[in-house]
Protein backbone atom coordinates (compact mmCIF):
# COMPACT_ATOMS: atom_id res chain seq x y z
CA MET A 1 47.96 -103.59 -113.10
CA ALA A 2 46.79 -100.76 -110.82
CA ALA A 3 44.09 -101.60 -108.31
CA THR A 4 40.68 -100.04 -108.91
CA VAL A 5 37.70 -99.61 -106.61
CA SER A 6 34.09 -99.72 -107.75
CA PRO A 7 32.20 -96.40 -107.62
CA ALA A 8 29.38 -98.32 -105.90
CA VAL A 9 31.74 -99.11 -103.02
CA ILE A 10 32.61 -95.44 -102.74
CA ARG A 11 28.92 -94.44 -102.64
CA ARG A 12 28.11 -97.07 -100.01
CA THR A 13 31.03 -95.84 -97.92
CA GLU A 14 29.75 -92.28 -98.16
CA ASN A 15 26.32 -93.47 -97.00
CA TRP A 16 28.05 -95.31 -94.14
CA LEU A 17 29.67 -92.03 -93.07
CA ILE A 18 26.31 -90.24 -93.31
CA ARG A 19 24.58 -92.87 -91.17
CA ARG A 20 27.26 -92.43 -88.52
CA GLY A 21 26.64 -88.67 -88.49
CA MET A 22 29.94 -87.86 -90.22
CA PRO A 23 28.88 -86.41 -93.61
CA LEU A 24 31.60 -83.75 -93.50
CA LEU A 25 34.24 -86.47 -93.91
CA ILE A 26 32.96 -87.11 -97.44
CA ALA A 27 35.25 -85.78 -100.15
CA ASP A 28 33.94 -82.76 -102.11
CA TYR A 29 31.11 -82.36 -99.62
CA SER A 30 29.24 -79.26 -100.75
CA PHE A 31 25.95 -77.45 -100.32
CA SER A 32 24.57 -78.25 -103.79
CA SER A 33 25.72 -81.88 -103.99
CA HIS A 34 24.95 -83.14 -100.50
CA VAL A 35 23.25 -80.61 -98.23
CA LEU A 36 20.49 -79.00 -100.31
CA PRO A 37 19.14 -82.26 -101.85
CA ARG A 38 18.53 -83.60 -98.35
CA MET A 39 17.02 -80.30 -97.22
CA VAL A 40 14.43 -80.19 -100.01
CA PRO A 41 11.78 -82.37 -98.25
CA PHE A 42 12.00 -80.24 -95.10
CA LEU A 43 11.89 -76.97 -97.06
CA ALA A 44 8.87 -78.24 -98.99
CA LEU A 45 7.23 -79.26 -95.72
CA VAL A 46 7.78 -75.81 -94.20
CA SER A 47 6.48 -74.09 -97.34
CA ALA A 48 3.39 -76.27 -97.62
CA THR A 49 2.57 -75.77 -93.93
CA GLY A 50 3.00 -72.02 -94.32
CA LEU A 51 0.62 -71.96 -97.29
CA LEU A 52 -2.10 -73.35 -95.03
CA TRP A 53 -1.95 -70.20 -92.91
CA PRO A 54 -4.29 -68.09 -95.12
CA LEU A 55 -6.93 -70.83 -94.81
CA ARG A 56 -6.92 -70.89 -91.02
CA GLU A 57 -10.29 -69.08 -90.80
CA GLU A 58 -11.88 -71.15 -93.56
CA LEU A 59 -11.14 -74.57 -92.09
CA SER A 60 -12.71 -76.13 -89.02
CA PRO A 61 -10.40 -77.26 -86.19
CA VAL A 62 -10.66 -80.82 -87.48
CA GLY A 63 -9.90 -79.63 -91.00
CA ARG A 64 -6.82 -77.75 -89.80
CA PHE A 65 -5.55 -80.81 -87.99
CA VAL A 66 -6.13 -83.08 -91.00
CA ALA A 67 -4.44 -80.61 -93.37
CA VAL A 68 -1.37 -80.13 -91.19
CA ALA A 69 -1.15 -83.86 -90.47
CA ALA A 70 -1.34 -84.67 -94.18
CA VAL A 71 1.44 -82.20 -94.96
CA LEU A 72 3.62 -83.55 -92.14
CA VAL A 73 3.12 -87.18 -93.14
CA GLY A 74 3.78 -86.37 -96.79
CA GLY A 75 6.92 -84.41 -95.98
CA VAL A 76 8.33 -87.08 -93.68
CA ALA A 77 7.55 -89.84 -96.19
CA ALA A 78 9.21 -87.87 -98.99
CA GLY A 79 12.28 -87.29 -96.83
CA ILE A 80 12.59 -90.98 -95.95
CA LEU A 81 12.17 -92.07 -99.56
CA LEU A 82 14.61 -89.46 -100.83
CA ASN A 83 17.30 -90.37 -98.32
CA ARG A 84 16.99 -94.06 -99.18
CA PHE A 85 18.45 -93.33 -102.59
CA ARG A 86 22.07 -94.38 -102.75
CA ARG A 87 22.98 -91.34 -104.73
CA LEU A 88 21.12 -88.09 -104.45
CA PRO A 89 21.00 -85.78 -107.48
CA VAL A 90 23.62 -83.06 -107.72
CA PHE A 91 21.72 -79.84 -108.18
CA PRO A 92 22.96 -77.64 -111.03
CA ARG A 93 23.29 -73.94 -110.37
CA ARG A 94 19.86 -73.19 -111.87
CA ALA A 95 18.16 -75.76 -109.63
CA VAL A 96 19.90 -74.38 -106.56
CA ILE A 97 18.76 -70.85 -107.44
CA LEU A 98 15.22 -72.07 -108.15
CA VAL A 99 14.91 -73.85 -104.79
CA LEU A 100 16.36 -70.93 -102.85
CA VAL A 101 14.26 -68.30 -104.65
CA THR A 102 11.05 -70.33 -104.25
CA TYR A 103 11.67 -70.86 -100.56
CA GLY A 104 12.77 -67.25 -100.06
CA ALA A 105 9.59 -65.97 -101.72
CA MET A 106 7.33 -67.78 -99.24
CA PRO A 107 7.53 -65.11 -96.50
CA LEU A 108 6.09 -62.64 -99.05
CA LEU A 109 3.72 -65.02 -100.81
CA ILE A 110 1.99 -66.27 -97.65
CA PRO A 111 0.99 -62.77 -96.38
CA LEU A 112 -0.15 -61.85 -99.92
CA LEU A 113 -2.40 -64.91 -100.06
CA ASP A 114 -3.63 -64.13 -96.56
CA LEU A 115 -4.41 -60.57 -97.61
CA ALA A 116 -6.25 -61.78 -100.73
CA VAL A 117 -8.33 -64.28 -98.74
CA SER A 118 -9.18 -61.72 -96.05
CA ARG A 119 -10.31 -59.16 -98.67
CA THR A 120 -12.47 -61.77 -100.35
CA VAL A 121 -14.40 -62.46 -97.17
CA ALA A 122 -14.33 -58.87 -95.85
CA SER A 123 -17.40 -56.66 -95.89
CA PRO A 124 -17.53 -53.94 -98.61
CA ASP A 125 -17.75 -51.02 -96.17
CA VAL A 126 -14.14 -51.12 -94.95
CA GLY A 127 -12.83 -47.82 -93.62
CA ALA A 128 -9.51 -46.14 -94.35
CA GLY A 129 -8.26 -46.85 -90.84
CA GLN A 130 -8.84 -50.54 -91.31
CA ILE A 131 -6.97 -50.45 -94.64
CA THR A 132 -3.98 -48.75 -92.98
CA GLU A 133 -4.09 -51.25 -90.16
CA GLY A 134 -4.16 -54.07 -92.71
CA ARG A 135 -1.06 -52.73 -94.48
CA THR A 136 0.83 -52.48 -91.20
CA GLY A 137 -0.18 -56.01 -90.31
CA PHE A 138 0.93 -57.18 -93.76
CA LEU A 139 4.41 -55.70 -93.27
CA TRP A 140 4.76 -57.26 -89.84
CA ALA A 141 3.60 -60.59 -91.27
CA VAL A 142 6.29 -60.43 -93.97
CA VAL A 143 8.95 -59.69 -91.36
CA GLY A 144 7.67 -62.40 -89.03
CA PHE A 145 7.48 -65.09 -91.70
CA GLY A 146 10.90 -64.00 -92.99
CA VAL A 147 12.46 -64.54 -89.58
CA ILE A 148 10.72 -67.87 -89.07
CA PHE A 149 11.63 -69.21 -92.51
CA GLY A 150 15.21 -67.95 -92.14
CA VAL A 151 15.68 -69.61 -88.76
CA LEU A 152 14.18 -72.88 -90.00
CA PHE A 153 16.40 -72.83 -93.10
CA GLU A 154 19.57 -72.28 -91.07
CA ALA A 155 18.55 -74.97 -88.58
CA ALA A 156 17.95 -77.42 -91.43
CA ARG A 157 21.28 -76.52 -93.04
CA LEU A 158 23.29 -77.04 -89.86
CA THR A 159 21.38 -80.22 -89.02
CA THR A 160 22.11 -81.67 -92.45
CA LEU A 161 25.67 -80.35 -92.62
CA TYR A 162 26.71 -81.96 -89.34
CA GLY A 163 24.48 -85.04 -89.59
CA ILE A 164 22.63 -84.19 -86.38
CA LEU A 165 19.71 -86.56 -86.98
CA PRO A 166 21.88 -89.67 -87.51
CA LEU A 167 23.92 -88.63 -84.49
CA LEU A 168 20.75 -88.35 -82.41
CA ALA A 169 19.61 -91.76 -83.60
CA ARG A 170 22.96 -93.28 -82.65
CA SER A 171 22.87 -91.48 -79.31
CA VAL A 172 19.43 -92.95 -78.56
CA ARG A 173 20.70 -96.43 -79.41
CA ASN A 174 23.77 -95.89 -77.26
CA ALA A 175 21.62 -94.58 -74.40
CA TRP A 176 19.46 -97.68 -74.61
CA GLN A 177 22.61 -99.82 -74.56
CA ASP A 178 23.86 -97.91 -71.51
CA LEU A 179 20.52 -98.43 -69.78
CA ARG A 180 20.71 -102.15 -70.51
CA ASN A 181 24.20 -102.21 -69.02
CA THR A 182 23.29 -99.72 -66.33
CA LEU A 183 24.11 -102.04 -63.42
CA ARG A 184 27.68 -102.43 -64.60
CA LEU A 185 27.95 -98.72 -65.39
CA GLN A 186 26.50 -97.55 -62.10
CA SER A 187 28.43 -100.05 -59.98
CA ARG A 188 31.63 -98.48 -61.25
CA ALA A 189 30.63 -94.83 -61.55
CA LEU A 190 28.19 -94.24 -58.67
CA PRO A 191 30.51 -94.93 -55.69
CA MET A 192 33.11 -92.51 -57.04
CA LEU A 193 30.52 -89.80 -57.69
CA LEU A 194 28.86 -90.20 -54.29
CA PHE A 195 32.23 -89.78 -52.63
CA VAL A 196 32.56 -86.41 -54.41
CA THR A 197 28.98 -85.11 -54.06
CA LEU A 198 27.42 -86.64 -50.97
CA PHE A 199 28.98 -84.11 -48.57
CA PHE A 200 27.41 -81.16 -50.43
CA PHE A 201 23.92 -82.63 -50.08
CA PHE A 202 23.99 -81.98 -46.32
CA THR A 203 25.25 -78.38 -46.64
CA GLY A 204 22.79 -75.79 -45.34
CA GLU A 205 24.08 -73.08 -47.69
CA LEU A 206 23.25 -75.25 -50.70
CA TRP A 207 19.69 -75.79 -49.45
CA GLN A 208 19.30 -72.05 -48.93
CA ALA A 209 20.48 -71.33 -52.48
CA MET A 210 18.26 -74.02 -54.02
CA ASN A 211 15.25 -72.72 -52.08
CA ARG A 212 15.61 -69.37 -53.87
CA LEU A 213 16.99 -70.46 -57.24
CA THR A 214 14.46 -70.57 -60.09
CA TRP A 215 14.21 -73.57 -62.39
CA TRP A 216 15.31 -71.71 -65.51
CA ARG A 217 18.49 -70.52 -63.78
CA LEU A 218 19.14 -74.10 -62.71
CA VAL A 219 18.82 -75.12 -66.35
CA LEU A 220 21.48 -72.53 -67.21
CA VAL A 221 23.76 -74.07 -64.58
CA LEU A 222 23.28 -77.48 -66.20
CA ALA A 223 24.08 -75.93 -69.59
CA LEU A 224 27.28 -74.55 -68.05
CA PHE A 225 28.22 -78.04 -66.86
CA ALA A 226 27.55 -79.40 -70.36
CA GLY A 227 29.74 -76.64 -71.84
CA VAL A 228 32.64 -77.61 -69.58
CA THR A 229 32.24 -81.21 -70.72
CA VAL A 230 32.30 -80.20 -74.38
CA LEU A 231 35.41 -78.04 -73.86
CA ALA A 232 37.18 -80.93 -72.15
CA ALA A 233 36.18 -83.25 -75.00
CA ALA A 234 37.50 -80.72 -77.55
CA GLY A 235 40.90 -80.59 -75.87
CA ARG A 236 41.12 -84.36 -75.67
CA LEU A 237 39.97 -84.81 -79.26
CA ARG A 238 42.82 -82.68 -80.62
CA GLU A 239 45.35 -84.95 -78.93
CA GLU A 240 43.69 -88.13 -80.15
CA ILE A 241 43.39 -86.95 -83.75
CA GLY A 242 47.13 -86.32 -83.91
CA ARG A 243 47.85 -89.77 -82.50
CA VAL A 244 45.47 -91.56 -84.88
CA GLU A 245 46.77 -89.73 -87.96
CA ASN A 246 50.29 -90.90 -87.13
CA ASP A 247 49.22 -94.53 -86.68
CA LEU A 248 47.70 -95.54 -90.02
CA GLN A 249 49.30 -98.97 -90.29
CA PRO A 250 47.69 -101.44 -92.78
CA PRO A 251 46.65 -104.02 -90.13
CA LYS A 252 44.82 -101.37 -88.12
CA LEU A 253 43.15 -99.94 -91.24
CA THR A 254 42.04 -103.40 -92.34
CA GLU A 255 40.54 -104.10 -88.92
CA ALA A 256 38.73 -100.74 -88.92
CA CYS A 257 37.15 -101.44 -92.33
CA ARG A 258 35.58 -104.71 -91.27
CA GLY A 259 31.81 -104.46 -91.32
CA THR A 260 31.96 -101.46 -93.68
CA PRO A 261 31.60 -101.28 -97.49
CA LEU A 262 35.41 -101.12 -97.67
CA GLU A 263 36.03 -104.50 -96.06
CA GLU A 264 36.61 -106.18 -99.44
CA VAL A 265 39.15 -103.56 -100.51
CA SER A 266 42.79 -104.54 -100.10
CA VAL A 267 44.50 -101.90 -98.00
CA ASP A 268 47.92 -103.03 -99.22
CA ASP A 269 46.94 -102.24 -102.82
CA LEU A 270 46.07 -98.68 -101.81
CA ALA A 271 49.38 -97.91 -100.09
CA PRO A 272 50.71 -95.44 -99.32
CA ILE A 273 47.68 -94.10 -97.44
CA GLU A 274 48.28 -90.50 -96.48
CA PRO A 275 44.97 -88.66 -95.95
CA PRO A 276 44.98 -84.87 -95.93
CA PRO A 277 44.72 -83.14 -92.56
CA LEU A 278 41.24 -82.61 -91.21
CA ALA A 279 39.65 -79.24 -91.86
CA ASP A 280 38.31 -77.21 -88.94
CA ARG A 281 34.68 -78.03 -89.65
CA GLN A 282 35.55 -81.75 -89.94
CA ILE A 283 37.16 -81.57 -86.52
CA GLY A 284 34.03 -79.80 -85.32
CA SER A 285 31.91 -82.65 -86.70
CA LEU A 286 34.04 -85.19 -84.83
CA LEU A 287 33.69 -83.08 -81.70
CA VAL A 288 29.89 -83.12 -82.04
CA MET A 289 30.02 -86.91 -82.37
CA LEU A 290 32.32 -87.33 -79.37
CA ALA A 291 30.51 -84.80 -77.19
CA SER A 292 27.06 -86.22 -77.95
CA ARG A 293 28.17 -89.72 -77.02
CA GLN A 294 29.90 -88.48 -73.89
CA LEU A 295 26.92 -86.36 -72.83
CA VAL A 296 24.48 -89.23 -73.35
CA GLN A 297 26.56 -91.48 -71.12
CA ALA A 298 26.81 -88.70 -68.52
CA ILE A 299 23.02 -88.18 -68.63
CA VAL A 300 22.43 -91.87 -67.92
CA VAL A 301 24.74 -91.65 -64.91
CA GLY A 302 23.13 -88.37 -63.82
CA LEU A 303 19.61 -89.83 -63.87
CA TRP A 304 20.58 -92.50 -61.39
CA LEU A 305 22.44 -89.97 -59.28
CA PHE A 306 19.34 -87.75 -59.26
CA ALA A 307 17.15 -90.66 -58.20
CA PHE A 308 19.56 -91.52 -55.38
CA PHE A 309 19.53 -88.00 -53.93
CA VAL A 310 15.74 -87.72 -54.16
CA VAL A 311 15.29 -91.00 -52.30
CA LEU A 312 17.96 -90.00 -49.76
CA GLY A 313 16.27 -86.65 -49.17
CA LEU A 314 12.83 -88.22 -48.70
CA LEU A 315 14.28 -90.63 -46.14
CA VAL A 316 16.56 -88.28 -44.20
CA VAL A 317 15.39 -84.67 -44.60
CA ASP A 318 12.03 -83.92 -43.00
CA GLY A 319 10.30 -80.55 -42.88
CA ALA A 320 11.91 -79.44 -39.62
CA THR A 321 15.41 -80.30 -40.82
CA ALA A 322 14.87 -78.51 -44.12
CA GLU A 323 13.57 -75.43 -42.28
CA GLN A 324 16.60 -75.46 -39.97
CA TRP A 325 19.03 -75.65 -42.88
CA ILE A 326 17.24 -73.02 -44.97
CA GLY A 327 16.56 -70.66 -42.04
CA GLU A 328 12.91 -70.17 -42.98
CA PRO A 329 9.92 -72.34 -43.90
CA PRO A 330 10.90 -74.10 -47.14
CA ARG A 331 8.96 -73.41 -50.30
CA PRO A 332 6.81 -76.46 -51.13
CA LEU A 333 6.90 -78.34 -54.41
CA ALA A 334 3.80 -77.56 -56.46
CA MET A 335 2.81 -81.17 -57.18
CA PHE A 336 3.86 -82.50 -53.76
CA PRO A 337 3.25 -79.85 -51.05
CA ASN A 338 4.94 -81.94 -48.37
CA VAL A 339 8.23 -81.99 -50.30
CA PRO A 340 10.42 -78.85 -50.20
CA VAL A 341 11.26 -77.52 -53.64
CA ALA A 342 14.92 -77.37 -52.62
CA LEU A 343 15.10 -81.18 -52.56
CA PRO A 344 14.65 -81.90 -56.30
CA ARG A 345 16.71 -78.82 -57.15
CA ASN A 346 19.51 -80.08 -54.95
CA ALA A 347 19.25 -83.47 -56.62
CA VAL A 348 19.34 -81.90 -60.10
CA LEU A 349 22.34 -79.70 -59.27
CA LEU A 350 24.37 -82.49 -57.71
CA ALA A 351 23.43 -84.91 -60.48
CA GLY A 352 24.56 -82.35 -63.06
CA PHE A 353 27.81 -81.71 -61.24
CA GLY A 354 28.41 -85.43 -60.77
CA SER A 355 27.72 -86.09 -64.45
CA MET A 356 30.21 -83.40 -65.47
CA TYR A 357 32.78 -84.79 -63.05
CA PHE A 358 32.21 -88.29 -64.43
CA ALA A 359 32.54 -87.16 -68.05
CA VAL A 360 35.72 -85.16 -67.47
CA THR A 361 37.48 -87.74 -65.30
CA SER A 362 36.61 -90.48 -67.79
CA MET A 363 38.74 -88.61 -70.34
CA PHE A 364 41.83 -88.03 -68.21
CA ASP A 365 41.93 -90.48 -65.32
CA THR A 366 43.72 -93.65 -66.44
CA GLU A 367 41.34 -96.18 -64.90
CA ASN A 368 38.14 -94.32 -65.76
CA ARG A 369 39.42 -93.66 -69.26
CA ARG A 370 39.92 -97.39 -69.83
CA ARG A 371 36.44 -98.22 -68.54
CA PHE A 372 34.28 -95.43 -69.93
CA PHE A 373 36.07 -93.24 -72.50
CA THR A 374 38.08 -95.71 -74.57
CA PRO A 375 34.99 -97.41 -76.11
CA ILE A 376 33.73 -93.99 -77.21
CA LEU A 377 37.12 -93.00 -78.55
CA ASP A 378 37.33 -96.26 -80.50
CA GLU A 379 34.39 -95.04 -82.60
CA VAL A 380 36.29 -91.87 -83.49
CA GLU A 381 39.45 -93.82 -84.32
CA ARG A 382 37.54 -96.25 -86.52
CA THR A 383 35.81 -93.43 -88.36
CA LEU A 384 39.14 -91.69 -89.07
CA ALA A 385 40.69 -94.95 -90.25
CA VAL A 386 37.76 -95.61 -92.61
CA ARG A 387 38.08 -92.05 -93.89
CA ALA A 388 41.76 -92.63 -94.71
CA VAL A 389 40.99 -95.80 -96.67
CA TYR A 390 37.97 -94.17 -98.33
CA LEU A 391 40.02 -91.23 -99.62
CA ALA A 392 42.71 -93.56 -100.92
CA ALA A 393 40.13 -95.81 -102.57
CA ARG A 394 38.34 -92.83 -104.07
CA GLY A 395 41.55 -91.89 -105.86
CA LYS A 396 41.64 -95.36 -107.47
CA ARG A 397 38.00 -95.88 -108.28
CA GLY A 398 37.22 -97.55 -111.58
């Protein structure tokens, strides 16, 4: 008799993938069946908040706050309740069109309501110039609300499509775990990073550059470091996916399914397990998962590296030394006039560089890979193994 798997097990496994921020690994994952139903609370929240705009002049400041707060609380509560359902409704084509048309009409409906409210309270002796000005303002309002609603819709779609919120929740939990184990993490990572970065801290040219560099340009430099980390993670992920897909032995699959809804499913009864190759957007989802975990760990290391350089600078670099290195009186920090602004900028730059160096070397250096990268990679391997069993079980569901 052929083995069968309960549909409830399949649904619980799909929810397990969603909670891990891997919704794209679900079979037949589509906009109408998975993405839009989870977007509806947010779209309703945006629409309801927008409809309060015409009443902005009628409500007191307290009334505005209460109205917006009520809409926010209601939207968040609806989203939590909706996502607790084990199986969200699959929207038929008519429902999809209705939701999209209703949401798309809001950028026009809100200015119309605003125009109607403003005419109701306006004085009767309105001149032609004011009417023309009102029409121009109406058109700009339609364009403005259209852009805002479009950007929010696309942000919600991408967030839901790639499971960004569950990934963020997992990243916060992992960051807390890293902070709890920070002594072990820093005792292994900090000496190596100081060996690489400490020399640059005492370089006069770096202090001169940081004295002139603005904060927003420094943020762009940090974004560049993060981009290098993501590119390195992407290259490493391609290699690991190929290795994992060629190593789908039953004992490893059984071990990976422990603690998941598939742990009671016999892997031997599902053999042979040959999952289809990952699509590009599924690989992208895995990359987001890997990069987010890697970046969170690098940020934890970078925070301690930043603190070290700030303390070192306060102890070693006085005003005269900073002026000698910079070649002119250093610009003071706004909140602490006795501290040169180059000091925290130096600390930020070196912490960012050290974090990038830590993240990249943890992927390729043998010893660092074993200590720091392998635990992260184990999550990816387990997720791919569960996906393989899930797809095989889905083909034999009862």
